[in-house]
Full PDB file with SEQRES, HELIX, SHEET, SSBOND, CRYST1, ORIGX, SCALE, CONECT and MASTER records, all heavy atoms in Angstrom:
SEQRES   1 A   41  VAL ASP ASN VAL THR VAL THR ALA VAL GLN SER GLU ASN          
SEQRES   2 A   41  GLY MET VAL ARG VAL ASN ASN HIS HIS SER ARG LEU PRO          
SEQRES   3 A   41  ILE SER LEU SER HIS GLY LYS LEU ARG ILE HIS GLN ARG          
SEQRES   4 A   41  GLY ARG                                                      
SHEET    1 AA1 3 VAL A   6  THR A   7  0                                        
SHEET    2 AA1 3 MET A  15  VAL A  18 -1                                        
SHEET    3 AA1 3 HIS A  21  ARG A  24 -1                                        
SHEET    1 AA2 2 ILE A  27  LEU A  29  0                                        
SHEET    2 AA2 2 LEU A  34  ILE A  36 -1                                        
CRYST1    1.000    1.000    1.000  90.00  90.00  90.00 P 1           1          
ORIGX1      1.000000  0.000000  0.000000        0.00000                         
ORIGX2      0.000000  1.000000  0.000000        0.00000                         
ORIGX3      0.000000  0.000000  1.000000        0.00000                         
SCALE1      1.000000  0.000000  0.000000        0.00000                         
SCALE2      0.000000  1.000000  0.000000        0.00000                         
SCALE3      0.000000  0.000000  1.000000        0.00000                         
ATOM      1  N   VAL A   1      -1.977  10.647  -0.942  1.00  0.00           N  
ATOM      2  CA  VAL A   1      -2.969  11.081  -1.851  1.00  0.00           C  
ATOM      3  C   VAL A   1      -4.267  11.314  -1.118  1.00  0.00           C  
ATOM      4  O   VAL A   1      -4.754  10.396  -0.444  1.00  0.00           O  
ATOM      5  CB  VAL A   1      -3.216   9.985  -2.980  1.00  0.00           C  
ATOM      6  CG1 VAL A   1      -4.291  10.368  -3.890  1.00  0.00           C  
ATOM      7  CG2 VAL A   1      -1.921   9.743  -3.771  1.00  0.00           C  
ATOM      8  N   ASP A   2      -4.756  12.529  -1.244  1.00  0.00           N  
ATOM      9  CA  ASP A   2      -5.955  12.971  -0.442  1.00  0.00           C  
ATOM     10  C   ASP A   2      -5.645  12.688   1.051  1.00  0.00           C  
ATOM     11  O   ASP A   2      -4.666  13.156   1.586  1.00  0.00           O  
ATOM     12  CB  ASP A   2      -7.225  12.284  -0.902  1.00  0.00           C  
ATOM     13  CG  ASP A   2      -7.588  12.731  -2.366  1.00  0.00           C  
ATOM     14  OD1 ASP A   2      -7.385  13.934  -2.642  1.00  0.00           O  
ATOM     15  OD2 ASP A   2      -8.106  11.958  -3.128  1.00  0.00           O  
ATOM     16  N   ASN A   3      -6.442  11.831   1.711  1.00  0.00           N  
ATOM     17  CA  ASN A   3      -6.236  11.589   3.157  1.00  0.00           C  
ATOM     18  C   ASN A   3      -5.676  10.221   3.413  1.00  0.00           C  
ATOM     19  O   ASN A   3      -5.783   9.733   4.482  1.00  0.00           O  
ATOM     20  CB  ASN A   3      -7.537  11.707   3.886  1.00  0.00           C  
ATOM     21  CG  ASN A   3      -8.052  13.218   3.845  1.00  0.00           C  
ATOM     22  OD1 ASN A   3      -7.264  14.117   3.920  1.00  0.00           O  
ATOM     23  ND2 ASN A   3      -9.362  13.361   3.715  1.00  0.00           N  
ATOM     24  N   VAL A   4      -5.034   9.617   2.348  1.00  0.00           N  
ATOM     25  CA  VAL A   4      -4.450   8.319   2.567  1.00  0.00           C  
ATOM     26  C   VAL A   4      -2.930   8.434   2.523  1.00  0.00           C  
ATOM     27  O   VAL A   4      -2.392   9.066   1.698  1.00  0.00           O  
ATOM     28  CB  VAL A   4      -4.947   7.342   1.429  1.00  0.00           C  
ATOM     29  CG1 VAL A   4      -4.263   5.963   1.568  1.00  0.00           C  
ATOM     30  CG2 VAL A   4      -6.449   7.256   1.462  1.00  0.00           C  
ATOM     31  N   THR A   5      -2.288   7.755   3.492  1.00  0.00           N  
ATOM     32  CA  THR A   5      -0.828   7.820   3.564  1.00  0.00           C  
ATOM     33  C   THR A   5      -0.384   6.311   3.431  1.00  0.00           C  
ATOM     34  O   THR A   5      -0.780   5.464   4.222  1.00  0.00           O  
ATOM     35  CB  THR A   5      -0.311   8.341   4.908  1.00  0.00           C  
ATOM     36  OG1 THR A   5      -0.773   9.679   5.018  1.00  0.00           O  
ATOM     37  CG2 THR A   5       1.179   8.333   4.957  1.00  0.00           C  
ATOM     38  N   VAL A   6       0.435   6.097   2.371  1.00  0.00           N  
ATOM     39  CA  VAL A   6       0.897   4.697   2.146  1.00  0.00           C  
ATOM     40  C   VAL A   6       2.503   4.780   2.246  1.00  0.00           C  
ATOM     41  O   VAL A   6       3.118   5.621   1.624  1.00  0.00           O  
ATOM     42  CB  VAL A   6       0.564   4.243   0.750  1.00  0.00           C  
ATOM     43  CG1 VAL A   6       1.244   2.895   0.491  1.00  0.00           C  
ATOM     44  CG2 VAL A   6      -0.909   4.143   0.542  1.00  0.00           C  
ATOM     45  N   THR A   7       3.071   3.986   3.132  1.00  0.00           N  
ATOM     46  CA  THR A   7       4.528   3.910   3.369  1.00  0.00           C  
ATOM     47  C   THR A   7       4.993   2.500   3.047  1.00  0.00           C  
ATOM     48  O   THR A   7       4.431   1.535   3.520  1.00  0.00           O  
ATOM     49  CB  THR A   7       4.875   4.309   4.771  1.00  0.00           C  
ATOM     50  OG1 THR A   7       4.342   5.655   5.115  1.00  0.00           O  
ATOM     51  CG2 THR A   7       6.374   4.315   5.040  1.00  0.00           C  
ATOM     52  N   ALA A   8       6.010   2.444   2.254  1.00  0.00           N  
ATOM     53  CA  ALA A   8       6.725   1.172   1.951  1.00  0.00           C  
ATOM     54  C   ALA A   8       8.088   1.287   2.609  1.00  0.00           C  
ATOM     55  O   ALA A   8       8.819   2.236   2.347  1.00  0.00           O  
ATOM     56  CB  ALA A   8       6.880   0.988   0.459  1.00  0.00           C  
ATOM     57  N   VAL A   9       8.366   0.299   3.466  1.00  0.00           N  
ATOM     58  CA  VAL A   9       9.649   0.324   4.208  1.00  0.00           C  
ATOM     59  C   VAL A   9      10.615  -0.712   3.619  1.00  0.00           C  
ATOM     60  O   VAL A   9      10.205  -1.805   3.228  1.00  0.00           O  
ATOM     61  CB  VAL A   9       9.335  -0.030   5.686  1.00  0.00           C  
ATOM     62  CG1 VAL A   9      10.679  -0.156   6.508  1.00  0.00           C  
ATOM     63  CG2 VAL A   9       8.415   1.001   6.335  1.00  0.00           C  
ATOM     64  N   GLN A  10      11.878  -0.248   3.506  1.00  0.00           N  
ATOM     65  CA  GLN A  10      12.899  -1.190   2.924  1.00  0.00           C  
ATOM     66  C   GLN A  10      12.832  -2.556   3.451  1.00  0.00           C  
ATOM     67  O   GLN A  10      12.713  -2.714   4.699  1.00  0.00           O  
ATOM     68  CB  GLN A  10      14.259  -0.508   3.160  1.00  0.00           C  
ATOM     69  CG  GLN A  10      15.345  -1.261   2.475  1.00  0.00           C  
ATOM     70  CD  GLN A  10      16.770  -0.614   2.788  1.00  0.00           C  
ATOM     71  OE1 GLN A  10      17.037  -0.359   3.940  1.00  0.00           O  
ATOM     72  NE2 GLN A  10      17.527  -0.357   1.729  1.00  0.00           N  
ATOM     73  N   SER A  11      12.870  -3.538   2.608  1.00  0.00           N  
ATOM     74  CA  SER A  11      12.954  -4.963   3.012  1.00  0.00           C  
ATOM     75  C   SER A  11      11.609  -5.534   3.461  1.00  0.00           C  
ATOM     76  O   SER A  11      11.503  -6.669   3.774  1.00  0.00           O  
ATOM     77  CB  SER A  11      14.014  -5.255   3.984  1.00  0.00           C  
ATOM     78  OG  SER A  11      15.207  -4.929   3.415  1.00  0.00           O  
ATOM     79  N   GLU A  12      10.490  -4.766   3.580  1.00  0.00           N  
ATOM     80  CA  GLU A  12       9.182  -5.237   3.962  1.00  0.00           C  
ATOM     81  C   GLU A  12       8.430  -5.679   2.679  1.00  0.00           C  
ATOM     82  O   GLU A  12       7.393  -5.195   2.335  1.00  0.00           O  
ATOM     83  CB  GLU A  12       8.377  -4.227   4.714  1.00  0.00           C  
ATOM     84  CG  GLU A  12       8.841  -3.997   6.157  1.00  0.00           C  
ATOM     85  CD  GLU A  12       7.956  -3.239   6.988  1.00  0.00           C  
ATOM     86  OE1 GLU A  12       6.909  -2.652   6.453  1.00  0.00           O  
ATOM     87  OE2 GLU A  12       8.313  -2.903   8.151  1.00  0.00           O  
ATOM     88  N   ASN A  13       9.043  -6.579   1.873  1.00  0.00           N  
ATOM     89  CA  ASN A  13       8.484  -6.978   0.590  1.00  0.00           C  
ATOM     90  C   ASN A  13       7.083  -7.496   0.717  1.00  0.00           C  
ATOM     91  O   ASN A  13       6.738  -8.265   1.618  1.00  0.00           O  
ATOM     92  CB  ASN A  13       9.354  -8.038   0.003  1.00  0.00           C  
ATOM     93  CG  ASN A  13      10.776  -7.589  -0.237  1.00  0.00           C  
ATOM     94  OD1 ASN A  13      11.410  -6.837   0.522  1.00  0.00           O  
ATOM     95  ND2 ASN A  13      11.357  -7.985  -1.400  1.00  0.00           N  
ATOM     96  N   GLY A  14       6.315  -7.079  -0.246  1.00  0.00           N  
ATOM     97  CA  GLY A  14       4.855  -7.521  -0.298  1.00  0.00           C  
ATOM     98  C   GLY A  14       3.955  -6.847   0.646  1.00  0.00           C  
ATOM     99  O   GLY A  14       2.796  -7.184   0.743  1.00  0.00           O  
ATOM    100  N   MET A  15       4.482  -5.879   1.460  1.00  0.00           N  
ATOM    101  CA  MET A  15       3.726  -5.154   2.427  1.00  0.00           C  
ATOM    102  C   MET A  15       3.807  -3.675   2.315  1.00  0.00           C  
ATOM    103  O   MET A  15       4.857  -3.181   1.825  1.00  0.00           O  
ATOM    104  CB  MET A  15       4.296  -5.506   3.897  1.00  0.00           C  
ATOM    105  CG  MET A  15       4.320  -6.913   4.196  1.00  0.00           C  
ATOM    106  SD  MET A  15       2.702  -7.516   4.830  1.00  0.00           S  
ATOM    107  CE  MET A  15       2.541  -6.584   6.360  1.00  0.00           C  
ATOM    108  N   VAL A  16       2.818  -2.968   2.681  1.00  0.00           N  
ATOM    109  CA  VAL A  16       2.877  -1.521   2.874  1.00  0.00           C  
ATOM    110  C   VAL A  16       2.224  -1.163   4.133  1.00  0.00           C  
ATOM    111  O   VAL A  16       1.407  -1.958   4.717  1.00  0.00           O  
ATOM    112  CB  VAL A  16       2.148  -0.740   1.693  1.00  0.00           C  
ATOM    113  CG1 VAL A  16       2.994  -0.921   0.382  1.00  0.00           C  
ATOM    114  CG2 VAL A  16       0.757  -1.152   1.495  1.00  0.00           C  
ATOM    115  N   ARG A  17       2.311   0.083   4.553  1.00  0.00           N  
ATOM    116  CA  ARG A  17       1.637   0.543   5.782  1.00  0.00           C  
ATOM    117  C   ARG A  17       0.710   1.652   5.254  1.00  0.00           C  
ATOM    118  O   ARG A  17       1.074   2.625   4.706  1.00  0.00           O  
ATOM    119  CB  ARG A  17       2.671   1.193   6.772  1.00  0.00           C  
ATOM    120  CG  ARG A  17       3.645   0.128   7.269  1.00  0.00           C  
ATOM    121  CD  ARG A  17       4.718   0.806   8.157  1.00  0.00           C  
ATOM    122  NE  ARG A  17       5.760  -0.184   8.470  1.00  0.00           N  
ATOM    123  CZ  ARG A  17       6.735  -0.014   9.275  1.00  0.00           C  
ATOM    124  NH1 ARG A  17       6.875   1.152   9.938  1.00  0.00           N  
ATOM    125  NH2 ARG A  17       7.645  -0.949   9.523  1.00  0.00           N  
ATOM    126  N   VAL A  18      -0.607   1.384   5.494  1.00  0.00           N  
ATOM    127  CA  VAL A  18      -1.674   2.297   5.091  1.00  0.00           C  
ATOM    128  C   VAL A  18      -2.148   2.970   6.328  1.00  0.00           C  
ATOM    129  O   VAL A  18      -2.780   2.334   7.244  1.00  0.00           O  
ATOM    130  CB  VAL A  18      -2.789   1.549   4.329  1.00  0.00           C  
ATOM    131  CG1 VAL A  18      -3.894   2.599   3.955  1.00  0.00           C  
ATOM    132  CG2 VAL A  18      -2.274   0.855   3.154  1.00  0.00           C  
ATOM    133  N   ASN A  19      -1.943   4.310   6.437  1.00  0.00           N  
ATOM    134  CA  ASN A  19      -2.250   5.062   7.625  1.00  0.00           C  
ATOM    135  C   ASN A  19      -1.741   4.307   8.918  1.00  0.00           C  
ATOM    136  O   ASN A  19      -2.478   4.211   9.880  1.00  0.00           O  
ATOM    137  CB  ASN A  19      -3.770   5.353   7.729  1.00  0.00           C  
ATOM    138  CG  ASN A  19      -4.202   6.247   6.535  1.00  0.00           C  
ATOM    139  OD1 ASN A  19      -3.432   7.034   6.001  1.00  0.00           O  
ATOM    140  ND2 ASN A  19      -5.447   6.083   6.109  1.00  0.00           N  
ATOM    141  N   ASN A  20      -0.526   3.854   8.835  1.00  0.00           N  
ATOM    142  CA  ASN A  20       0.195   3.179   9.868  1.00  0.00           C  
ATOM    143  C   ASN A  20      -0.271   1.733  10.248  1.00  0.00           C  
ATOM    144  O   ASN A  20       0.046   1.207  11.265  1.00  0.00           O  
ATOM    145  CB  ASN A  20       0.233   3.985  11.187  1.00  0.00           C  
ATOM    146  CG  ASN A  20       1.195   5.190  11.050  1.00  0.00           C  
ATOM    147  OD1 ASN A  20       2.265   5.021  10.405  1.00  0.00           O  
ATOM    148  ND2 ASN A  20       0.854   6.345  11.614  1.00  0.00           N  
ATOM    149  N   HIS A  21      -1.106   1.155   9.373  1.00  0.00           N  
ATOM    150  CA  HIS A  21      -1.563  -0.214   9.525  1.00  0.00           C  
ATOM    151  C   HIS A  21      -0.933  -1.092   8.487  1.00  0.00           C  
ATOM    152  O   HIS A  21      -1.042  -0.750   7.283  1.00  0.00           O  
ATOM    153  CB  HIS A  21      -3.065  -0.321   9.496  1.00  0.00           C  
ATOM    154  CG  HIS A  21      -3.746   0.397  10.627  1.00  0.00           C  
ATOM    155  ND1 HIS A  21      -3.743  -0.053  11.959  1.00  0.00           N  
ATOM    156  CD2 HIS A  21      -4.438   1.542  10.634  1.00  0.00           C  
ATOM    157  CE1 HIS A  21      -4.370   0.842  12.707  1.00  0.00           C  
ATOM    158  NE2 HIS A  21      -4.840   1.842  11.838  1.00  0.00           N  
ATOM    159  N   HIS A  22      -0.246  -2.238   8.842  1.00  0.00           N  
ATOM    160  CA  HIS A  22       0.337  -3.079   7.864  1.00  0.00           C  
ATOM    161  C   HIS A  22      -0.747  -3.671   6.928  1.00  0.00           C  
ATOM    162  O   HIS A  22      -1.825  -4.210   7.414  1.00  0.00           O  
ATOM    163  CB  HIS A  22       1.118  -4.225   8.548  1.00  0.00           C  
ATOM    164  CG  HIS A  22       2.402  -3.777   9.015  1.00  0.00           C  
ATOM    165  ND1 HIS A  22       2.656  -3.173  10.192  1.00  0.00           N  
ATOM    166  CD2 HIS A  22       3.634  -3.888   8.437  1.00  0.00           C  
ATOM    167  CE1 HIS A  22       3.949  -2.920  10.337  1.00  0.00           C  
ATOM    168  NE2 HIS A  22       4.580  -3.323   9.271  1.00  0.00           N  
ATOM    169  N   SER A  23      -0.490  -3.754   5.698  1.00  0.00           N  
ATOM    170  CA  SER A  23      -1.371  -4.324   4.696  1.00  0.00           C  
ATOM    171  C   SER A  23      -0.591  -5.136   3.717  1.00  0.00           C  
ATOM    172  O   SER A  23       0.456  -4.730   3.210  1.00  0.00           O  
ATOM    173  CB  SER A  23      -2.218  -3.269   3.919  1.00  0.00           C  
ATOM    174  OG  SER A  23      -2.965  -2.558   4.849  1.00  0.00           O  
ATOM    175  N   ARG A  24      -1.149  -6.265   3.307  1.00  0.00           N  
ATOM    176  CA  ARG A  24      -0.494  -7.124   2.254  1.00  0.00           C  
ATOM    177  C   ARG A  24      -1.006  -6.682   0.949  1.00  0.00           C  
ATOM    178  O   ARG A  24      -2.182  -6.242   0.850  1.00  0.00           O  
ATOM    179  CB  ARG A  24      -0.803  -8.609   2.417  1.00  0.00           C  
ATOM    180  CG  ARG A  24      -0.134  -9.248   3.609  1.00  0.00           C  
ATOM    181  CD  ARG A  24       0.013 -10.780   3.276  1.00  0.00           C  
ATOM    182  NE  ARG A  24       1.063 -11.323   4.155  1.00  0.00           N  
ATOM    183  CZ  ARG A  24       2.387 -11.218   3.929  1.00  0.00           C  
ATOM    184  NH1 ARG A  24       2.793 -10.577   2.841  1.00  0.00           N  
ATOM    185  NH2 ARG A  24       3.227 -11.734   4.714  1.00  0.00           N  
ATOM    186  N   LEU A  25      -0.207  -6.794  -0.103  1.00  0.00           N  
ATOM    187  CA  LEU A  25      -0.652  -6.429  -1.442  1.00  0.00           C  
ATOM    188  C   LEU A  25      -1.345  -7.605  -2.108  1.00  0.00           C  
ATOM    189  O   LEU A  25      -1.055  -8.752  -1.770  1.00  0.00           O  
ATOM    190  CB  LEU A  25       0.578  -5.995  -2.250  1.00  0.00           C  
ATOM    191  CG  LEU A  25       1.384  -4.827  -1.694  1.00  0.00           C  
ATOM    192  CD1 LEU A  25       2.484  -4.468  -2.644  1.00  0.00           C  
ATOM    193  CD2 LEU A  25       0.510  -3.658  -1.455  1.00  0.00           C  
ATOM    194  N   PRO A  26      -2.224  -7.365  -3.037  1.00  0.00           N  
ATOM    195  CA  PRO A  26      -2.691  -6.092  -3.621  1.00  0.00           C  
ATOM    196  C   PRO A  26      -3.759  -5.493  -2.759  1.00  0.00           C  
ATOM    197  O   PRO A  26      -4.497  -6.191  -2.042  1.00  0.00           O  
ATOM    198  CB  PRO A  26      -3.230  -6.430  -4.986  1.00  0.00           C  
ATOM    199  CG  PRO A  26      -3.681  -7.853  -4.835  1.00  0.00           C  
ATOM    200  CD  PRO A  26      -2.815  -8.481  -3.722  1.00  0.00           C  
ATOM    201  N   ILE A  27      -3.921  -4.170  -2.853  1.00  0.00           N  
ATOM    202  CA  ILE A  27      -4.927  -3.495  -2.144  1.00  0.00           C  
ATOM    203  C   ILE A  27      -5.502  -2.316  -2.970  1.00  0.00           C  
ATOM    204  O   ILE A  27      -4.801  -1.813  -3.835  1.00  0.00           O  
ATOM    205  CB  ILE A  27      -4.609  -2.929  -0.745  1.00  0.00           C  
ATOM    206  CG1 ILE A  27      -3.357  -2.047  -0.801  1.00  0.00           C  
ATOM    207  CG2 ILE A  27      -4.426  -4.056   0.242  1.00  0.00           C  
ATOM    208  CD1 ILE A  27      -3.031  -1.448   0.556  1.00  0.00           C  
ATOM    209  N   SER A  28      -6.743  -1.974  -2.746  1.00  0.00           N  
ATOM    210  CA  SER A  28      -7.414  -0.862  -3.439  1.00  0.00           C  
ATOM    211  C   SER A  28      -7.906   0.052  -2.349  1.00  0.00           C  
ATOM    212  O   SER A  28      -8.564  -0.382  -1.394  1.00  0.00           O  
ATOM    213  CB  SER A  28      -8.519  -1.351  -4.358  1.00  0.00           C  
ATOM    214  OG  SER A  28      -9.156  -0.263  -4.979  1.00  0.00           O  
ATOM    215  N   LEU A  29      -7.613   1.354  -2.467  1.00  0.00           N  
ATOM    216  CA  LEU A  29      -8.075   2.315  -1.411  1.00  0.00           C  
ATOM    217  C   LEU A  29      -8.866   3.438  -2.014  1.00  0.00           C  
ATOM    218  O   LEU A  29      -8.827   3.674  -3.154  1.00  0.00           O  
ATOM    219  CB  LEU A  29      -6.755   2.907  -0.798  1.00  0.00           C  
ATOM    220  CG  LEU A  29      -5.731   1.915  -0.174  1.00  0.00           C  
ATOM    221  CD1 LEU A  29      -4.403   2.555   0.005  1.00  0.00           C  
ATOM    222  CD2 LEU A  29      -6.293   1.263   1.024  1.00  0.00           C  
ATOM    223  N   SER A  30      -9.641   4.127  -1.118  1.00  0.00           N  
ATOM    224  CA  SER A  30     -10.440   5.242  -1.455  1.00  0.00           C  
ATOM    225  C   SER A  30     -11.331   4.944  -2.674  1.00  0.00           C  
ATOM    226  O   SER A  30     -11.353   5.641  -3.615  1.00  0.00           O  
ATOM    227  CB  SER A  30      -9.536   6.453  -1.823  1.00  0.00           C  
ATOM    228  OG  SER A  30      -8.858   6.885  -0.665  1.00  0.00           O  
ATOM    229  N   HIS A  31     -12.043   3.799  -2.587  1.00  0.00           N  
ATOM    230  CA  HIS A  31     -12.954   3.386  -3.674  1.00  0.00           C  
ATOM    231  C   HIS A  31     -12.297   3.257  -4.947  1.00  0.00           C  
ATOM    232  O   HIS A  31     -12.842   3.702  -6.061  1.00  0.00           O  
ATOM    233  CB  HIS A  31     -14.200   4.417  -3.702  1.00  0.00           C  
ATOM    234  CG  HIS A  31     -14.828   4.619  -2.439  1.00  0.00           C  
ATOM    235  ND1 HIS A  31     -15.554   3.654  -1.778  1.00  0.00           N  
ATOM    236  CD2 HIS A  31     -14.825   5.721  -1.565  1.00  0.00           C  
ATOM    237  CE1 HIS A  31     -15.999   4.139  -0.661  1.00  0.00           C  
ATOM    238  NE2 HIS A  31     -15.585   5.343  -0.521  1.00  0.00           N  
ATOM    239  N   GLY A  32     -11.095   2.758  -4.974  1.00  0.00           N  
ATOM    240  CA  GLY A  32     -10.372   2.476  -6.239  1.00  0.00           C  
ATOM    241  C   GLY A  32      -9.561   3.657  -6.740  1.00  0.00           C  
ATOM    242  O   GLY A  32      -8.812   3.536  -7.814  1.00  0.00           O  
ATOM    243  N   LYS A  33      -9.523   4.740  -6.064  1.00  0.00           N  
ATOM    244  CA  LYS A  33      -8.720   5.902  -6.470  1.00  0.00           C  
ATOM    245  C   LYS A  33      -7.216   5.672  -6.327  1.00  0.00           C  
ATOM    246  O   LYS A  33      -6.471   6.331  -7.040  1.00  0.00           O  
ATOM    247  CB  LYS A  33      -9.090   7.203  -5.700  1.00  0.00           C  
ATOM    248  CG  LYS A  33     -10.453   7.724  -5.968  1.00  0.00           C  
ATOM    249  CD  LYS A  33     -10.680   8.990  -5.155  1.00  0.00           C  
ATOM    250  CE  LYS A  33     -12.055   9.559  -5.384  1.00  0.00           C  
ATOM    251  NZ  LYS A  33     -12.286  10.721  -4.489  1.00  0.00           N  
ATOM    252  N   LEU A  34      -6.852   4.753  -5.487  1.00  0.00           N  
ATOM    253  CA  LEU A  34      -5.425   4.366  -5.283  1.00  0.00           C  
ATOM    254  C   LEU A  34      -5.331   2.932  -5.221  1.00  0.00           C  
ATOM    255  O   LEU A  34      -5.956   2.184  -4.441  1.00  0.00           O  
ATOM    256  CB  LEU A  34      -5.000   4.954  -3.978  1.00  0.00           C  
ATOM    257  CG  LEU A  34      -3.538   5.195  -3.635  1.00  0.00           C  
ATOM    258  CD1 LEU A  34      -2.862   6.072  -4.779  1.00  0.00           C  
ATOM    259  CD2 LEU A  34      -3.271   5.773  -2.343  1.00  0.00           C  
ATOM    260  N   ARG A  35      -4.519   2.360  -6.169  1.00  0.00           N  
ATOM    261  CA  ARG A  35      -4.400   0.878  -6.243  1.00  0.00           C  
ATOM    262  C   ARG A  35      -2.903   0.516  -6.104  1.00  0.00           C  
ATOM    263  O   ARG A  35      -2.040   1.208  -6.640  1.00  0.00           O  
ATOM    264  CB  ARG A  35      -4.888   0.363  -7.564  1.00  0.00           C  
ATOM    265  CG  ARG A  35      -6.354   0.553  -7.747  1.00  0.00           C  
ATOM    266  CD  ARG A  35      -6.821   0.121  -9.182  1.00  0.00           C  
ATOM    267  NE  ARG A  35      -5.971   0.421 -10.229  1.00  0.00           N  
ATOM    268  CZ  ARG A  35      -5.908   1.565 -10.891  1.00  0.00           C  
ATOM    269  NH1 ARG A  35      -6.615   2.578 -10.450  1.00  0.00           N  
ATOM    270  NH2 ARG A  35      -5.149   1.727 -11.929  1.00  0.00           N  
ATOM    271  N   ILE A  36      -2.610  -0.514  -5.288  1.00  0.00           N  
ATOM    272  CA  ILE A  36      -1.265  -0.885  -5.048  1.00  0.00           C  
ATOM    273  C   ILE A  36      -1.183  -2.370  -5.230  1.00  0.00           C  
ATOM    274  O   ILE A  36      -1.904  -3.103  -4.666  1.00  0.00           O  
ATOM    275  CB  ILE A  36      -0.786  -0.595  -3.524  1.00  0.00           C  
ATOM    276  CG1 ILE A  36      -1.232   0.880  -3.207  1.00  0.00           C  
ATOM    277  CG2 ILE A  36       0.649  -0.845  -3.370  1.00  0.00           C  
ATOM    278  CD1 ILE A  36      -1.178   1.141  -1.738  1.00  0.00           C  
ATOM    279  N   HIS A  37      -0.197  -2.801  -6.056  1.00  0.00           N  
ATOM    280  CA  HIS A  37       0.024  -4.222  -6.306  1.00  0.00           C  
ATOM    281  C   HIS A  37       1.526  -4.469  -6.527  1.00  0.00           C  
ATOM    282  O   HIS A  37       2.271  -3.597  -6.653  1.00  0.00           O  
ATOM    283  CB  HIS A  37      -0.840  -4.767  -7.412  1.00  0.00           C  
ATOM    284  CG  HIS A  37      -0.496  -4.154  -8.741  1.00  0.00           C  
ATOM    285  ND1 HIS A  37      -1.110  -2.935  -9.141  1.00  0.00           N  
ATOM    286  CD2 HIS A  37       0.294  -4.513  -9.716  1.00  0.00           C  
ATOM    287  CE1 HIS A  37      -0.709  -2.714 -10.404  1.00  0.00           C  
ATOM    288  NE2 HIS A  37       0.196  -3.624 -10.764  1.00  0.00           N  
ATOM    289  N   GLN A  38       1.860  -5.773  -6.480  1.00  0.00           N  
ATOM    290  CA  GLN A  38       3.263  -6.079  -6.676  1.00  0.00           C  
ATOM    291  C   GLN A  38       3.458  -6.341  -8.172  1.00  0.00           C  
ATOM    292  O   GLN A  38       2.697  -7.014  -8.820  1.00  0.00           O  
ATOM    293  CB  GLN A  38       3.596  -7.326  -5.879  1.00  0.00           C  
ATOM    294  CG  GLN A  38       5.062  -7.569  -5.795  1.00  0.00           C  
ATOM    295  CD  GLN A  38       5.461  -8.399  -4.529  1.00  0.00           C  
ATOM    296  OE1 GLN A  38       4.685  -8.509  -3.594  1.00  0.00           O  
ATOM    297  NE2 GLN A  38       6.654  -8.944  -4.533  1.00  0.00           N  
ATOM    298  N   ARG A  39       4.514  -5.771  -8.709  1.00  0.00           N  
ATOM    299  CA  ARG A  39       4.960  -6.066 -10.104  1.00  0.00           C  
ATOM    300  C   ARG A  39       6.404  -6.633  -9.987  1.00  0.00           C  
ATOM    301  O   ARG A  39       7.276  -5.814  -9.774  1.00  0.00           O  
ATOM    302  CB  ARG A  39       4.849  -4.856 -10.946  1.00  0.00           C  
ATOM    303  CG  ARG A  39       5.308  -5.022 -12.361  1.00  0.00           C  
ATOM    304  CD  ARG A  39       5.169  -3.827 -13.199  1.00  0.00           C  
ATOM    305  NE  ARG A  39       3.845  -3.675 -13.607  1.00  0.00           N  
ATOM    306  CZ  ARG A  39       3.402  -2.591 -14.301  1.00  0.00           C  
ATOM    307  NH1 ARG A  39       4.221  -1.657 -14.692  1.00  0.00           N  
ATOM    308  NH2 ARG A  39       2.134  -2.496 -14.738  1.00  0.00           N  
ATOM    309  N   GLY A  40       6.546  -7.940 -10.242  1.00  0.00           N  
ATOM    310  CA  GLY A  40       7.855  -8.516 -10.124  1.00  0.00           C  
ATOM    311  C   GLY A  40       8.260  -8.378  -8.678  1.00  0.00           C  
ATOM    312  O   GLY A  40       7.628  -8.689  -7.726  1.00  0.00           O  
ATOM    313  N   ARG A  41       9.478  -7.771  -8.489  1.00  0.00           N  
ATOM    314  CA  ARG A  41      10.075  -7.577  -7.187  1.00  0.00           C  
ATOM    315  C   ARG A  41       9.744  -6.196  -6.636  1.00  0.00           C  
ATOM    316  O   ARG A  41      10.325  -5.762  -5.582  1.00  0.00           O  
ATOM    317  CB  ARG A  41      11.578  -7.790  -7.157  1.00  0.00           C  
ATOM    318  CG  ARG A  41      12.003  -9.171  -7.487  1.00  0.00           C  
ATOM    319  CD  ARG A  41      13.538  -9.267  -7.584  1.00  0.00           C  
ATOM    320  NE  ARG A  41      13.951 -10.609  -7.897  1.00  0.00           N  
ATOM    321  CZ  ARG A  41      14.412 -11.416  -6.996  1.00  0.00           C  
ATOM    322  NH1 ARG A  41      14.683 -11.036  -5.768  1.00  0.00           N  
ATOM    323  NH2 ARG A  41      14.844 -12.674  -7.319  1.00  0.00           N  
TER     324      ARG A  41                                                      
MASTER        0    0    0    0    5    0    0    6  323    1    0    4          
END                                                                             
């Protein structure tokens, strides 16, 4: 979305890669334009 790349890799539960950097959830990116959180599993 815009200039942000978020990748979720199989079995990396609770984590995403934001522009190739590992991040734990929840996170808010681009001043709240993109929000990522865990919902159940």
